[in-house]
C-alpha atoms as a PDB file:
ATOM      1  CA  MET A   1    -113.139 -78.980 138.363  1.00  0.00           C
ATOM      2  CA  ASP A   2    -114.057 -75.968 137.218  1.00  0.00           C
ATOM      3  CA  LEU A   3    -111.301 -73.366 137.002  1.00  0.00           C
ATOM      4  CA  ARG A   4    -111.307 -70.307 139.434  1.00  0.00           C
ATOM      5  CA  GLY A   5    -113.730 -67.829 137.067  1.00  0.00           C
ATOM      6  CA  HIS A   6    -115.302 -71.315 135.413  1.00  0.00           C
ATOM      7  CA  GLY A   7    -118.434 -73.384 135.838  1.00  0.00           C
ATOM      8  CA  LEU A   8    -119.654 -73.425 139.132  1.00  0.00           C
ATOM      9  CA  SER A   9    -116.353 -72.412 140.788  1.00  0.00           C
ATOM     10  CA  ASP A  10    -116.102 -68.211 142.647  1.00  0.00           C
ATOM     11  CA  GLY A  11    -113.767 -65.567 140.483  1.00  0.00           C
ATOM     12  CA  HIS A  12    -114.267 -62.990 138.251  1.00  0.00           C
ATOM     13  CA  ARG A  13    -115.568 -64.652 135.028  1.00  0.00           C
ATOM     14  CA  GLY A  14    -112.693 -65.572 132.641  1.00  0.00           C
ATOM     15  CA  ASP A  15    -110.214 -64.443 134.867  1.00  0.00           C
ATOM     16  CA  SER A  16    -107.215 -65.867 136.541  1.00  0.00           C
ATOM     17  CA  PRO A  17    -105.043 -63.359 139.096  1.00  0.00           C
ATOM     18  CA  GLY A  18    -102.134 -65.160 137.600  1.00  0.00           C
ATOM     19  CA  MET A  19    -100.187 -68.558 136.965  1.00  0.00           C
ATOM     20  CA  GLU A  20     -99.402 -68.890 140.892  1.00  0.00           C
ATOM     21  CA  VAL A  21    -102.910 -68.375 141.793  1.00  0.00           C
ATOM     22  CA  PHE A  22    -103.828 -70.983 138.769  1.00  0.00           C
ATOM     23  CA  VAL A  23    -101.036 -73.679 139.899  1.00  0.00           C
ATOM     24  CA  ARG A  24    -102.068 -73.290 143.928  1.00  0.00           C
ATOM     25  CA  ASP A  25    -105.705 -74.148 142.591  1.00  0.00           C
ATOM     26  CA  LEU A  26    -104.773 -77.428 140.809  1.00  0.00           C
ATOM     27  CA  CYS A  27    -102.165 -78.763 143.435  1.00  0.00           C
ATOM     28  CA  GLU A  28    -105.208 -77.848 145.962  1.00  0.00           C
ATOM     29  CA  THR A  29    -107.848 -79.958 143.959  1.00  0.00           C
ATOM     30  CA  ILE A  30    -105.476 -82.925 143.097  1.00  0.00           C
ATOM     31  CA  SER A  31    -104.556 -82.853 147.273  1.00  0.00           C
ATOM     32  CA  PHE A  32    -108.298 -83.166 147.893  1.00  0.00           C
ATOM     33  CA  VAL A  33    -109.105 -85.820 145.402  1.00  0.00           C
ATOM     34  CA  ARG A  34    -105.743 -87.544 146.598  1.00  0.00           C
ATOM     35  CA  ARG A  35    -106.851 -88.397 150.392  1.00  0.00           C
ATOM     36  CA  ARG A  36    -110.270 -89.847 149.063  1.00  0.00           C
ATOM     37  CA  HIS A  37    -108.646 -92.265 146.186  1.00  0.00           C
ATOM     38  CA  ALA A  38    -105.777 -94.580 146.473  1.00  0.00           C
ATOM     39  CA  ARG A  39    -105.103 -93.272 141.981  1.00  0.00           C
ATOM     40  CA  LEU A  40    -105.413 -90.649 140.118  1.00  0.00           C
ATOM     41  CA  VAL A  41    -105.188 -89.791 136.431  1.00  0.00           C
ATOM     42  CA  LEU A  42    -105.517 -86.723 134.816  1.00  0.00           C
ATOM     43  CA  LEU A  43    -107.592 -86.448 132.310  1.00  0.00           C
ATOM     44  CA  GLY A  44    -107.061 -82.686 130.189  1.00  0.00           C
ATOM     45  CA  HIS A  45    -108.926 -81.827 127.061  1.00  0.00           C
ATOM     46  CA  SER A  46    -107.899 -78.694 125.088  1.00  0.00           C
ATOM     47  CA  LEU A  47    -106.772 -76.249 127.882  1.00  0.00           C
ATOM     48  CA  GLY A  48    -107.141 -79.051 130.699  1.00  0.00           C
ATOM     49  CA  VAL A  49    -103.796 -80.806 128.909  1.00  0.00           C
ATOM     50  CA  LEU A  50    -102.537 -77.585 130.073  1.00  0.00           C
ATOM     51  CA  SER A  51    -103.846 -78.172 133.497  1.00  0.00           C
ATOM     52  CA  ALA A  52    -102.485 -81.278 133.487  1.00  0.00           C
ATOM     53  CA  ILE A  53     -99.330 -80.624 132.593  1.00  0.00           C
ATOM     54  CA  LEU A  54     -98.552 -78.126 134.966  1.00  0.00           C
ATOM     55  CA  ALA A  55    -100.662 -80.418 137.827  1.00  0.00           C
ATOM     56  CA  MET A  56     -97.974 -83.116 136.859  1.00  0.00           C
ATOM     57  CA  ALA A  57     -94.886 -80.154 136.722  1.00  0.00           C
ATOM     58  CA  GLU A  58     -95.737 -78.605 139.753  1.00  0.00           C
ATOM     59  CA  CYS A  59     -98.181 -80.848 142.373  1.00  0.00           C
ATOM     60  CA  SER A  60     -95.869 -83.446 143.981  1.00  0.00           C
ATOM     61  CA  SER A  61     -97.437 -86.443 143.409  1.00  0.00           C
ATOM     62  CA  ALA A  62    -100.015 -85.255 141.124  1.00  0.00           C
ATOM     63  CA  ALA A  63    -100.964 -88.384 138.891  1.00  0.00           C
ATOM     64  CA  ASP A  64    -100.358 -92.253 138.304  1.00  0.00           C
ATOM     65  CA  GLY A  65    -101.101 -91.587 135.259  1.00  0.00           C
ATOM     66  CA  ALA A  66    -102.539 -89.112 132.679  1.00  0.00           C
ATOM     67  CA  ILE A  67    -104.551 -88.811 129.616  1.00  0.00           C
ATOM     68  CA  LEU A  68    -104.324 -85.308 127.058  1.00  0.00           C
ATOM     69  CA  LEU A  69    -106.511 -84.954 124.780  1.00  0.00           C
ATOM     70  CA  GLY A  70    -106.679 -82.167 121.764  1.00  0.00           C
ATOM     71  CA  ALA A  71    -104.052 -79.782 122.714  1.00  0.00           C
ATOM     72  CA  ALA A  72    -100.951 -78.662 120.715  1.00  0.00           C
ATOM     73  CA  ARG A  73     -98.295 -75.815 121.332  1.00  0.00           C
ATOM     74  CA  THR A  74     -99.849 -73.982 118.162  1.00  0.00           C
ATOM     75  CA  MET A  75    -102.916 -73.855 116.865  1.00  0.00           C
ATOM     76  CA  ARG A  76    -104.240 -74.087 112.893  1.00  0.00           C
ATOM     77  CA  GLU A  77    -103.683 -70.686 111.182  1.00  0.00           C
ATOM     78  CA  SER A  78    -107.285 -70.900 110.499  1.00  0.00           C
ATOM     79  CA  ALA A  79    -108.560 -71.494 113.605  1.00  0.00           C
ATOM     80  CA  TYR A  80    -108.998 -67.439 114.613  1.00  0.00           C
ATOM     81  CA  PRO A  81    -109.367 -64.603 112.684  1.00  0.00           C
ATOM     82  CA  GLU A  82    -105.843 -62.486 113.164  1.00  0.00           C
ATOM     83  CA  LEU A  83    -106.895 -59.553 115.284  1.00  0.00           C
ATOM     84  CA  SER A  84    -106.198 -55.783 113.880  1.00  0.00           C
ATOM     85  CA  LEU A  85    -104.039 -53.828 115.507  1.00  0.00           C
ATOM     86  CA  GLY A  86    -106.371 -51.962 116.708  1.00  0.00           C
ATOM     87  CA  LYS A  87    -108.259 -54.059 118.558  1.00  0.00           C
ATOM     88  CA  LYS A  88    -105.002 -55.429 119.703  1.00  0.00           C
ATOM     89  CA  LEU A  89    -104.645 -51.966 121.228  1.00  0.00           C
ATOM     90  CA  ARG A  90    -107.872 -51.562 122.798  1.00  0.00           C
ATOM     91  CA  ILE A  91    -107.472 -55.415 124.819  1.00  0.00           C
ATOM     92  CA  LEU A  92    -104.080 -54.231 126.056  1.00  0.00           C
ATOM     93  CA  LEU A  93    -105.367 -50.525 127.165  1.00  0.00           C
ATOM     94  CA  SER A  94    -108.527 -51.829 128.592  1.00  0.00           C
ATOM     95  CA  SER A  95    -106.923 -54.938 130.637  1.00  0.00           C
ATOM     96  CA  LEU A  96    -104.384 -52.183 131.982  1.00  0.00           C
ATOM     97  CA  ILE A  97    -106.945 -49.941 133.313  1.00  0.00           C
ATOM     98  CA  SER A  98    -109.733 -53.316 134.593  1.00  0.00           C
ATOM     99  CA  PRO A  99    -107.452 -56.677 134.324  1.00  0.00           C
ATOM    100  CA  THR A 100    -110.524 -58.524 135.640  1.00  0.00           C
ATOM    101  CA  LYS A 101    -112.270 -57.239 132.165  1.00  0.00           C
ATOM    102  CA  GLN A 102    -113.148 -59.634 129.758  1.00  0.00           C
ATOM    103  CA  VAL A 103    -112.114 -58.374 126.467  1.00  0.00           C
ATOM    104  CA  VAL A 104    -111.038 -61.873 124.536  1.00  0.00           C
ATOM    105  CA  GLU A 105    -113.835 -63.273 123.080  1.00  0.00           C
ATOM    106  CA  TYR A 106    -113.621 -67.008 122.568  1.00  0.00           C
ATOM    107  CA  ARG A 107    -115.629 -68.282 119.556  1.00  0.00           C
ATOM    108  CA  ARG A 108    -115.719 -70.404 116.775  1.00  0.00           C
ATOM    109  CA  GLU A 109    -118.368 -71.398 113.840  1.00  0.00           C
ATOM    110  CA  GLY A 110    -120.220 -74.834 115.352  1.00  0.00           C
ATOM    111  CA  MET A 111    -119.534 -74.309 119.163  1.00  0.00           C
ATOM    112  CA  VAL A 112    -122.122 -75.974 120.998  1.00  0.00           C
ATOM    113  CA  GLY A 113    -123.146 -74.385 124.614  1.00  0.00           C
ATOM    114  CA  LEU A 114    -123.395 -70.626 123.497  1.00  0.00           C
ATOM    115  CA  ASP A 115    -126.298 -70.082 126.062  1.00  0.00           C
ATOM    116  CA  ASP A 116    -125.068 -71.978 128.866  1.00  0.00           C
ATOM    117  CA  PRO A 117    -124.251 -69.763 131.781  1.00  0.00           C
ATOM    118  CA  LEU A 118    -122.047 -72.348 132.980  1.00  0.00           C
ATOM    119  CA  PHE A 119    -120.107 -71.786 129.766  1.00  0.00           C
ATOM    120  CA  THR A 120    -116.973 -69.039 129.456  1.00  0.00           C
ATOM    121  CA  PHE A 121    -116.254 -67.430 125.974  1.00  0.00           C
ATOM    122  CA  ASN A 122    -115.081 -64.179 127.145  1.00  0.00           C
ATOM    123  CA  TYR A 123    -112.044 -64.228 128.761  1.00  0.00           C
ATOM    124  CA  THR A 124    -109.610 -61.579 130.423  1.00  0.00           C
ATOM    125  CA  LEU A 125    -106.060 -60.921 129.077  1.00  0.00           C
ATOM    126  CA  ARG A 126    -104.077 -62.034 132.122  1.00  0.00           C
ATOM    127  CA  PHE A 127    -106.181 -65.440 131.298  1.00  0.00           C
ATOM    128  CA  MET A 128    -105.017 -65.616 128.096  1.00  0.00           C
ATOM    129  CA  ARG A 129    -101.749 -65.106 128.848  1.00  0.00           C
ATOM    130  CA  ILE A 130    -101.052 -68.301 131.401  1.00  0.00           C
ATOM    131  CA  ALA A 131    -103.442 -70.794 128.914  1.00  0.00           C
ATOM    132  CA  GLY A 132    -101.408 -71.985 126.646  1.00  0.00           C
ATOM    133  CA  LEU A 133     -98.438 -74.606 126.020  1.00  0.00           C
ATOM    134  CA  ARG A 134     -96.147 -72.694 124.213  1.00  0.00           C
ATOM    135  CA  ASP A 135     -93.551 -71.059 126.533  1.00  0.00           C
ATOM    136  CA  PHE A 136     -93.761 -74.728 128.662  1.00  0.00           C
ATOM    137  CA  GLU A 137     -91.383 -77.049 128.901  1.00  0.00           C
ATOM    138  CA  PHE A 138     -90.642 -80.420 130.313  1.00  0.00           C
ATOM    139  CA  GLN A 139     -88.272 -80.550 132.911  1.00  0.00           C
ATOM    140  CA  GLU A 140     -87.954 -84.044 134.565  1.00  0.00           C
ATOM    141  CA  GLU A 141     -89.039 -87.501 133.222  1.00  0.00           C
ATOM    142  CA  LEU A 142     -92.599 -88.893 133.782  1.00  0.00           C
ATOM    143  CA  ASN A 143     -92.539 -91.598 135.223  1.00  0.00           C
ATOM    144  CA  ILE A 144     -95.930 -92.532 134.780  1.00  0.00           C
ATOM    145  CA  PRO A 145     -98.082 -94.012 131.684  1.00  0.00           C
ATOM    146  CA  VAL A 146     -99.319 -91.200 129.112  1.00  0.00           C
ATOM    147  CA  PHE A 147    -102.219 -91.194 127.038  1.00  0.00           C
ATOM    148  CA  VAL A 148    -101.883 -88.163 124.083  1.00  0.00           C
ATOM    149  CA  GLY A 149    -105.075 -88.297 121.546  1.00  0.00           C
ATOM    150  CA  ILE A 150    -106.308 -85.916 118.592  1.00  0.00           C
ATOM    151  CA  GLY A 151    -109.432 -85.960 116.729  1.00  0.00           C
ATOM    152  CA  GLU A 152    -108.593 -86.398 112.896  1.00  0.00           C
ATOM    153  CA  SER A 153    -110.578 -83.370 112.120  1.00  0.00           C
ATOM    154  CA  ASP A 154    -109.391 -81.239 114.812  1.00  0.00           C
ATOM    155  CA  GLU A 155    -110.700 -77.629 113.915  1.00  0.00           C
ATOM    156  CA  LEU A 156    -108.364 -76.044 116.570  1.00  0.00           C
ATOM    157  CA  PHE A 157    -104.951 -78.010 116.429  1.00  0.00           C
ATOM    158  CA  ASP A 158    -103.437 -80.447 113.287  1.00  0.00           C
ATOM    159  CA  VAL A 159    -102.654 -84.130 114.027  1.00  0.00           C
ATOM    160  CA  GLU A 160     -99.110 -82.861 112.881  1.00  0.00           C
ATOM    161  CA  ALA A 161     -98.474 -80.448 115.824  1.00  0.00           C
ATOM    162  CA  CYS A 162    -100.151 -82.589 118.525  1.00  0.00           C
ATOM    163  CA  ARG A 163     -97.854 -85.635 117.538  1.00  0.00           C
ATOM    164  CA  ASN A 164     -95.130 -82.843 117.999  1.00  0.00           C
ATOM    165  CA  LEU A 165     -96.657 -82.193 121.814  1.00  0.00           C
ATOM    166  CA  TYR A 166     -96.794 -86.070 122.041  1.00  0.00           C
ATOM    167  CA  ASP A 167     -92.675 -86.487 121.099  1.00  0.00           C
ATOM    168  CA  GLU A 168     -91.565 -83.852 123.421  1.00  0.00           C
ATOM    169  CA  ILE A 169     -93.317 -85.917 126.606  1.00  0.00           C
ATOM    170  CA  PRO A 170     -90.605 -87.101 128.596  1.00  0.00           C
ATOM    171  CA  ALA A 171     -92.392 -90.367 129.583  1.00  0.00           C
ATOM    172  CA  SER A 172     -91.174 -93.912 128.440  1.00  0.00           C
ATOM    173  CA  THR A 173     -94.447 -95.566 128.658  1.00  0.00           C
ATOM    174  CA  LYS A 174     -97.077 -93.177 126.355  1.00  0.00           C
ATOM    175  CA  GLU A 175     -99.262 -93.864 123.757  1.00  0.00           C
ATOM    176  CA  PHE A 176    -100.338 -91.579 120.576  1.00  0.00           C
ATOM    177  CA  HIS A 177    -103.627 -92.117 119.043  1.00  0.00           C
ATOM    178  CA  VAL A 178    -105.470 -90.357 116.507  1.00  0.00           C
ATOM    179  CA  VAL A 179    -109.375 -90.474 116.957  1.00  0.00           C
ATOM    180  CA  GLN A 180    -111.025 -91.541 113.274  1.00  0.00           C
ATOM    181  CA  GLY A 181    -113.909 -89.200 112.864  1.00  0.00           C
ATOM    182  CA  ALA A 182    -113.590 -87.005 115.747  1.00  0.00           C
ATOM    183  CA  LYS A 183    -113.185 -82.975 115.813  1.00  0.00           C
ATOM    184  CA  HIS A 184    -112.234 -80.910 118.143  1.00  0.00           C
ATOM    185  CA  ALA A 185    -114.916 -81.094 120.913  1.00  0.00           C
ATOM    186  CA  GLU A 186    -117.022 -83.893 118.701  1.00  0.00           C
ATOM    187  CA  PHE A 187    -116.862 -87.495 119.245  1.00  0.00           C
ATOM    188  CA  PRO A 188    -118.755 -90.438 117.097  1.00  0.00           C
ATOM    189  CA  GLN A 189    -119.507 -93.342 118.505  1.00  0.00           C
ATOM    190  CA  GLY A 190    -116.674 -95.731 119.548  1.00  0.00           C
ATOM    191  CA  SER A 191    -113.900 -92.885 119.739  1.00  0.00           C
ATOM    192  CA  TRP A 192    -113.060 -93.835 122.468  1.00  0.00           C
ATOM    193  CA  SER A 193    -112.303 -98.199 122.454  1.00  0.00           C
ATOM    194  CA  ARG A 194    -108.428 -97.582 122.529  1.00  0.00           C
ATOM    195  CA  LEU A 195    -108.626 -95.384 125.631  1.00  0.00           C
ATOM    196  CA  ILE A 196    -110.465 -97.414 127.606  1.00  0.00           C
ATOM    197  CA  GLU A 197    -108.376 -99.706 126.745  1.00  0.00           C
ATOM    198  CA  TRP A 198    -105.404 -98.471 127.644  1.00  0.00           C
ATOM    199  CA  VAL A 199    -106.858 -97.291 130.880  1.00  0.00           C
ATOM    200  CA  VAL A 200    -107.765-101.287 131.845  1.00  0.00           C
ATOM    201  CA  GLU A 201    -103.665-101.897 130.383  1.00  0.00           C
ATOM    202  CA  ASN A 202    -102.337 -99.630 132.675  1.00  0.00           C
ATOM    203  CA  PHE A 203    -104.706 -99.401 135.867  1.00  0.00           C
ATOM    204  CA  ALA A 204    -107.001-102.724 135.844  1.00  0.00           C
END
C-alpha cells in the first residue's frame, strides 16, 4: 500500500494527521485485501515494519503471518548527523505554525530514487513522531509465524538491535535471519532463498 501522503495516495506529502488516522488507514487496507484473499501475510520493510506491527496489534485478524525486514527500535548513531539546537527549534516552530509543512529531510548517502516523484524524502514533524518503534510495546501473544530479517551491512540498523526487537516479539513460531551481503535496501541475488523456504514451509 501507499501510505497517506506517499506514492499515489492522497494527502499532504510526507504527512499523517496522527496515529489514529495512520492505524485506521492500515486496517481499512487490510480489510479490503481480506475480503478478496483467504490468507494474508504482512510484509514490512523499514518504516513498513512499524506499519505491520501496528496492524497486528490494532486490526482484528490482521494477518496469518508477518515478515519484518530491516528495522529496530534504535538506529545506528552514524545513520544521520545530529541536528543542531537551532535546526531543531526551526523545525518545531515551523511545525507549530504549519503542521502539514515538510520540515524533516530524510536523505543519506547512496540513496536512489531521488528524482522519482513517487518517492517521499521530506516529512512533517507529526509524521516523524509516529514513524518510530521506540515507544511501541507488544501487548498480546502473536499466534502467527513471524520472520525477521536484516542485511548484515544495513546502514541504518545494526544486526544486534534488530535481534533485540526479534527477541521482544511474543510469538512462539518465529525466525531470525541475517541476509549476507545485503544493505538496508540493496539485496544481492539469492538473498531471499531462506525467506521463500519459510513462506513455503508455513503457507504452502
